[in-house]
Amino acid sequence: IIAQVNQSSQSIATSVSEQRSATQEISQNLAQSSRAVESVSRNVSEGVTASKEVSRSIAEVDNQASTTAAGAEEAAAAGRSMADLAHELQGVVGQFRV
């Protein structure tokens, strides 16, 4: 009976040791998976931040383009006005010629 108890005890000890090893391996795998998920999360967060930056930059470029277009329209109108004034001035100066 003592021999059977010893054999059972050794079997249980071996099983417990194998279970401990398996549990440690599972724990290590979970830790590694957790680190990978954290890394992906950081990368996604950085991607979102970069996308927001690009969106803001595009909005700024759009705003600047609108401002430039408005300035160009004003410059064109001023040019037409100056051309009209120059034409009128030529007419007035022509009246004073002998």
Protein backbone atom coordinates (compact mmCIF):
# COMPACT_ATOMS: atom_id res chain seq x y z
CA ILE A 1 0.00 0.00 0.00
CA ILE A 2 2.84 2.40 0.81
CA ALA A 3 4.34 1.74 -2.60
CA GLN A 4 1.01 2.58 -4.25
CA VAL A 5 0.71 5.76 -2.21
CA ASN A 6 4.28 6.72 -3.19
CA GLN A 7 3.55 6.01 -6.84
CA SER A 8 0.31 8.02 -6.69
CA SER A 9 2.12 10.87 -4.94
CA GLN A 10 4.82 10.89 -7.61
CA SER A 11 2.15 10.84 -10.32
CA ILE A 12 0.35 13.74 -8.70
CA ALA A 13 3.61 15.66 -8.26
CA THR A 14 4.49 15.11 -11.92
CA SER A 15 1.01 16.22 -12.99
CA VAL A 16 1.20 19.32 -10.80
CA SER A 17 4.65 20.15 -12.23
CA GLU A 18 3.37 19.74 -15.80
CA GLN A 19 0.31 21.84 -14.96
CA ARG A 20 2.55 24.56 -13.48
CA SER A 21 4.67 24.60 -16.66
CA ALA A 22 1.59 24.78 -18.86
CA THR A 23 0.13 27.58 -16.73
CA GLN A 24 3.40 29.54 -16.90
CA GLU A 25 3.49 29.15 -20.67
CA ILE A 26 -0.13 30.30 -20.96
CA SER A 27 0.66 33.27 -18.72
CA GLN A 28 3.67 34.23 -20.85
CA ASN A 29 1.61 33.91 -24.04
CA LEU A 30 -1.12 36.11 -22.55
CA ALA A 31 1.44 38.73 -21.51
CA GLN A 32 2.94 38.70 -25.00
CA SER A 33 -0.52 39.00 -26.57
CA SER A 34 -1.33 41.86 -24.23
CA ARG A 35 1.84 43.70 -25.29
CA ALA A 36 0.96 43.15 -28.95
CA VAL A 37 -2.56 44.53 -28.40
CA GLU A 38 -1.11 47.57 -26.61
CA SER A 39 1.27 48.14 -29.52
CA VAL A 40 -1.55 47.92 -32.06
CA SER A 41 -3.61 50.28 -29.93
CA ARG A 42 -0.77 52.82 -29.85
CA ASN A 43 -0.32 52.52 -33.61
CA VAL A 44 -4.04 53.05 -34.21
CA SER A 45 -4.00 56.05 -31.89
CA GLU A 46 -1.02 57.51 -33.75
CA GLY A 47 -2.83 56.89 -37.04
CA VAL A 48 -5.90 58.72 -35.79
CA THR A 49 -3.76 61.64 -34.64
CA ALA A 50 -1.99 61.77 -38.01
CA SER A 51 -5.33 61.65 -39.85
CA LYS A 52 -6.62 64.56 -37.78
CA GLU A 53 -3.44 66.52 -38.57
CA VAL A 54 -3.86 65.83 -42.29
CA SER A 55 -7.51 66.86 -42.12
CA ARG A 56 -6.61 70.13 -40.38
CA SER A 57 -3.89 70.78 -42.95
CA ILE A 58 -6.28 70.17 -45.83
CA ALA A 59 -8.82 72.53 -44.25
CA GLU A 60 -6.10 75.18 -43.88
CA VAL A 61 -5.03 74.75 -47.52
CA ASP A 62 -8.68 75.06 -48.58
CA ASN A 63 -9.03 78.22 -46.49
CA GLN A 64 -5.84 79.69 -47.96
CA ALA A 65 -7.00 78.82 -51.49
CA SER A 66 -10.29 80.63 -50.87
CA THR A 67 -8.44 83.65 -49.52
CA THR A 68 -6.09 83.63 -52.53
CA ALA A 69 -9.01 83.36 -54.95
CA ALA A 70 -10.77 86.28 -53.26
CA GLY A 71 -7.55 88.31 -53.44
CA ALA A 72 -7.13 87.48 -57.12
CA GLU A 73 -10.71 88.58 -57.84
CA GLU A 74 -10.10 91.86 -56.00
CA ALA A 75 -6.85 92.41 -57.92
CA ALA A 76 -8.60 91.73 -61.22
CA ALA A 77 -11.39 94.18 -60.34
CA ALA A 78 -8.83 96.80 -59.33
CA GLY A 79 -7.00 96.22 -62.63
CA ARG A 80 -10.21 96.71 -64.62
CA SER A 81 -10.97 99.86 -62.62
CA MET A 82 -7.49 101.21 -63.32
CA ALA A 83 -7.87 100.45 -67.02
CA ASP A 84 -11.18 102.35 -67.04
CA LEU A 85 -9.57 105.29 -65.23
CA ALA A 86 -6.62 105.26 -67.65
CA HIS A 87 -9.03 105.32 -70.59
CA GLU A 88 -10.96 108.26 -69.05
CA LEU A 89 -7.68 110.06 -68.32
CA GLN A 90 -6.63 109.66 -71.95
CA GLY A 91 -9.92 111.24 -72.99
CA VAL A 92 -9.49 114.18 -70.62
CA VAL A 93 -5.84 114.72 -71.61
CA GLY A 94 -6.89 114.58 -75.27
CA GLN A 95 -9.20 117.53 -74.73
CA PHE A 96 -6.28 119.72 -73.71
CA ARG A 97 -4.17 118.99 -76.76
CA VAL A 98 -3.87 121.70 -79.33
